[in-house]
Amino acid sequence: MEMHFQVWVIGALLLTAGSDHTRSQFMKSADTGVAQRQASPTISSSEGKYTRYYHLLLKLHPQDFELTVPTDQRRPRYTAENQYEFSENGQFEIFVRKEAFPVPAPKCERYIIIRMPGTDPSSANAAPKLERKRALFDALKELKHSGAGAYDVAIELNPYVQVVKRDPLQLELTECNVFFRQADGAYIDRIGPLSK
């Protein structure tokens, strides 16, 4: 019922729109299929050894990101199918549409890359850390392929973030990539202090 109502409203607006320009502007905003930028996410900050770190929880929907590497992002490290696969040290990346990312990124045209840092497989307790990263990777693949639902991921904005305003806090990305939150080689699925 809700979908029929939306279609009816769009149709009514298009019929009453005065010009092709108005009509095309409306269709651009109404037909993206991408969730709009999340409003003011909770940003957690913590003091590190050398700098202040900023984290947030990002709710990903299937239409918000790509697993297939966009044409303008392709590099030799990707597979022949242009997918970034899970590496033996737990690295992978996804491509989030700029308009679905809650922090402004003025230098980026279409995507923000979210990268998972690697874990040394020979380090102590590496196996459970890699298993957890693999579980996240598989959950994101399943979310994308299912076309429905949402999944929260913890993001660390450093080092490519700058403070635009301190009160209230406003941040901006200085580059087009961020990281899944990690500490000591392990994915951290929450924001706030590490010792909980």
Protein backbone atom coordinates (compact mmCIF):
# COMPACT_ATOMS: atom_id res chain seq x y z
CA MET A 1 0.00 0.00 0.00
CA GLU A 2 2.82 2.44 0.91
CA MET A 3 4.58 1.84 -2.44
CA HIS A 4 1.35 2.56 -4.38
CA PHE A 5 0.91 5.79 -2.44
CA GLN A 6 4.49 6.86 -3.21
CA VAL A 7 3.99 6.15 -6.91
CA TRP A 8 0.71 8.09 -6.89
CA VAL A 9 2.37 11.09 -5.18
CA ILE A 10 5.31 11.04 -7.62
CA GLY A 11 2.88 10.83 -10.55
CA ALA A 12 0.78 13.70 -9.23
CA LEU A 13 3.84 15.86 -8.69
CA LEU A 14 5.19 15.13 -12.15
CA LEU A 15 1.86 15.99 -13.78
CA THR A 16 1.71 19.30 -11.95
CA ALA A 17 5.41 20.15 -12.39
CA GLY A 18 5.73 23.21 -14.58
CA SER A 19 8.84 22.34 -16.59
CA ASP A 20 11.10 19.55 -17.71
CA HIS A 21 13.83 21.00 -15.45
CA THR A 22 11.59 20.78 -12.35
CA ARG A 23 10.54 17.27 -13.35
CA SER A 24 14.14 16.06 -13.82
CA GLN A 25 15.27 17.66 -10.54
CA PHE A 26 12.46 15.89 -8.70
CA MET A 27 13.25 12.54 -10.30
CA LYS A 28 16.92 12.89 -9.37
CA SER A 29 16.04 13.25 -5.71
CA ALA A 30 13.20 10.72 -5.65
CA ASP A 31 14.56 7.86 -7.73
CA THR A 32 18.07 7.20 -6.44
CA GLY A 33 17.21 4.06 -4.48
CA VAL A 34 19.99 5.07 -2.09
CA ALA A 35 19.41 6.00 1.52
CA GLN A 36 20.16 9.67 2.03
CA ARG A 37 23.00 10.77 4.32
CA GLN A 38 22.24 9.65 7.85
CA ALA A 39 21.46 12.64 10.02
CA SER A 40 23.97 13.53 12.73
CA PRO A 41 25.34 10.14 13.77
CA THR A 42 26.64 9.68 17.28
CA ILE A 43 30.34 10.29 17.00
CA SER A 44 32.48 8.93 19.77
CA SER A 45 35.94 10.28 20.37
CA SER A 46 38.78 8.87 22.39
CA GLU A 47 42.22 10.18 23.21
CA GLY A 48 44.99 8.10 21.66
CA LYS A 49 48.71 8.14 22.25
CA TYR A 50 49.30 10.78 19.57
CA THR A 51 45.89 12.09 18.53
CA ARG A 52 42.14 12.07 19.18
CA TYR A 53 40.27 9.25 17.40
CA TYR A 54 36.74 9.56 16.02
CA HIS A 55 34.38 6.58 15.58
CA LEU A 56 30.79 6.13 14.49
CA LEU A 57 28.28 3.35 13.88
CA LEU A 58 27.15 3.23 10.26
CA LYS A 59 23.91 1.44 9.39
CA LEU A 60 24.46 -0.08 5.95
CA HIS A 61 21.59 -1.00 3.64
CA PRO A 62 22.14 -3.06 0.47
CA GLN A 63 21.69 -0.04 -1.82
CA ASP A 64 24.27 2.01 0.15
CA PHE A 65 27.38 0.11 -0.94
CA GLU A 66 29.05 -1.98 -3.62
CA LEU A 67 31.21 -5.08 -3.43
CA THR A 68 32.05 -4.88 -7.12
CA VAL A 69 34.76 -2.33 -7.69
CA PRO A 70 33.45 0.78 -9.46
CA THR A 71 35.12 1.37 -12.84
CA ASP A 72 36.95 4.48 -11.68
CA GLN A 73 38.37 2.64 -8.64
CA ARG A 74 39.80 -0.45 -10.36
CA ARG A 75 43.37 -1.43 -9.46
CA PRO A 76 45.52 -4.55 -10.04
CA ARG A 77 44.82 -5.82 -6.49
CA TYR A 78 41.26 -6.79 -7.42
CA THR A 79 40.14 -10.10 -8.92
CA ALA A 80 39.25 -10.54 -12.59
CA GLU A 81 35.61 -10.02 -11.55
CA ASN A 82 36.64 -6.68 -9.99
CA GLN A 83 35.70 -7.73 -6.51
CA TYR A 84 37.86 -7.17 -3.50
CA GLU A 85 38.11 -10.58 -1.89
CA PHE A 86 38.88 -11.44 1.71
CA SER A 87 42.68 -11.79 1.99
CA GLU A 88 44.61 -14.25 4.13
CA ASN A 89 45.34 -11.47 6.62
CA GLY A 90 41.68 -10.41 6.86
CA GLN A 91 41.78 -7.36 4.61
CA PHE A 92 38.84 -6.37 2.43
CA GLU A 93 37.04 -3.20 1.39
CA ILE A 94 33.61 -2.02 0.36
CA PHE A 95 32.53 1.05 -1.60
CA VAL A 96 29.90 3.19 0.13
CA ARG A 97 28.01 5.75 -1.90
CA LYS A 98 28.99 9.25 -0.83
CA GLU A 99 25.36 10.26 -0.24
CA ALA A 100 24.87 7.35 2.17
CA PHE A 101 27.86 8.28 4.33
CA PRO A 102 27.04 10.54 7.30
CA VAL A 103 30.23 12.65 7.29
CA PRO A 104 30.78 15.16 4.46
CA ALA A 105 33.59 14.27 2.05
CA PRO A 106 34.07 17.23 -0.30
CA LYS A 107 37.00 15.70 -2.23
CA CYS A 108 35.06 12.55 -3.14
CA GLU A 109 32.90 12.27 -6.24
CA ARG A 110 30.94 9.03 -5.76
CA TYR A 111 32.29 6.63 -3.15
CA ILE A 112 33.88 6.39 0.27
CA ILE A 113 36.04 3.26 0.56
CA ILE A 114 35.78 1.46 3.90
CA ARG A 115 38.85 -0.72 4.42
CA MET A 116 39.45 -3.49 6.91
CA PRO A 117 43.06 -3.36 8.14
CA GLY A 118 45.06 -6.59 8.12
CA THR A 119 45.90 -8.94 10.98
CA ASP A 120 49.23 -10.76 11.07
CA PRO A 121 48.19 -14.45 10.80
CA SER A 122 51.29 -15.48 12.82
CA SER A 123 50.46 -13.22 15.79
CA ALA A 124 49.01 -14.47 19.07
CA ASN A 125 45.25 -15.10 18.94
CA ALA A 126 45.13 -14.34 15.21
CA ALA A 127 42.67 -17.14 14.36
CA PRO A 128 39.64 -15.80 16.28
CA LYS A 129 40.37 -12.25 15.05
CA LEU A 130 40.46 -13.44 11.44
CA GLU A 131 37.30 -15.50 11.95
CA ARG A 132 35.48 -12.43 13.23
CA LYS A 133 36.62 -10.39 10.22
CA ARG A 134 35.52 -13.20 7.90
CA ALA A 135 32.11 -13.25 9.61
CA LEU A 136 31.72 -9.51 9.00
CA PHE A 137 32.78 -9.86 5.36
CA ASP A 138 30.30 -12.72 4.83
CA ALA A 139 27.50 -10.78 6.57
CA LEU A 140 28.07 -7.79 4.29
CA LYS A 141 28.10 -10.02 1.18
CA GLU A 142 24.84 -11.62 2.33
CA LEU A 143 23.28 -8.21 3.02
CA LYS A 144 24.22 -6.98 -0.46
CA HIS A 145 22.99 -10.12 -2.23
CA SER A 146 19.72 -10.32 -0.24
CA GLY A 147 18.73 -6.78 -1.20
CA ALA A 148 17.00 -6.24 2.16
CA GLY A 149 17.78 -5.42 5.77
CA ALA A 150 20.56 -3.42 7.37
CA TYR A 151 23.81 -4.04 9.26
CA ASP A 152 25.65 -1.77 11.71
CA VAL A 153 29.40 -1.46 11.29
CA ALA A 154 31.85 0.46 13.48
CA ILE A 155 33.95 2.96 11.54
CA GLU A 156 37.14 4.76 12.49
CA LEU A 157 37.43 8.07 10.66
CA ASN A 158 41.13 8.65 11.40
CA PRO A 159 43.53 9.54 9.94
CA TYR A 160 41.57 11.16 7.08
CA VAL A 161 39.32 13.42 9.14
CA GLN A 162 39.44 17.02 10.26
CA VAL A 163 37.43 18.99 12.78
CA VAL A 164 35.43 21.73 11.06
CA LYS A 165 33.73 22.95 14.23
CA ARG A 166 34.19 21.87 17.85
CA ASP A 167 30.87 22.92 19.41
CA PRO A 168 28.74 21.32 18.19
CA LEU A 169 31.22 18.84 16.74
CA GLN A 170 31.35 18.82 12.93
CA LEU A 171 33.79 16.65 11.03
CA GLU A 172 34.80 16.36 7.40
CA LEU A 173 36.80 13.70 5.55
CA THR A 174 40.03 14.84 3.91
CA GLU A 175 40.31 11.72 1.70
CA CYS A 176 37.89 9.16 0.26
CA ASN A 177 38.57 6.29 2.61
CA VAL A 178 38.00 5.33 6.23
CA PHE A 179 38.52 2.10 8.17
CA PHE A 180 36.50 -0.50 9.96
CA ARG A 181 37.39 -0.01 13.63
CA GLN A 182 40.25 -2.24 14.75
CA ALA A 183 42.48 -2.61 17.79
CA ASP A 184 45.35 -5.06 18.20
CA GLY A 185 44.39 -6.78 14.93
CA ALA A 186 40.77 -7.37 15.97
CA TYR A 187 37.63 -5.79 14.50
CA ILE A 188 35.81 -3.73 17.15
CA ASP A 189 32.06 -3.69 16.47
CA ARG A 190 31.14 -0.76 18.74
CA ILE A 191 32.03 2.83 19.46
CA GLY A 192 33.25 4.24 22.76
CA PRO A 193 36.19 3.25 24.95
CA LEU A 194 37.99 0.01 24.08
CA SER A 195 38.06 -1.25 27.69
CA LYS A 196 34.47 -2.24 28.44
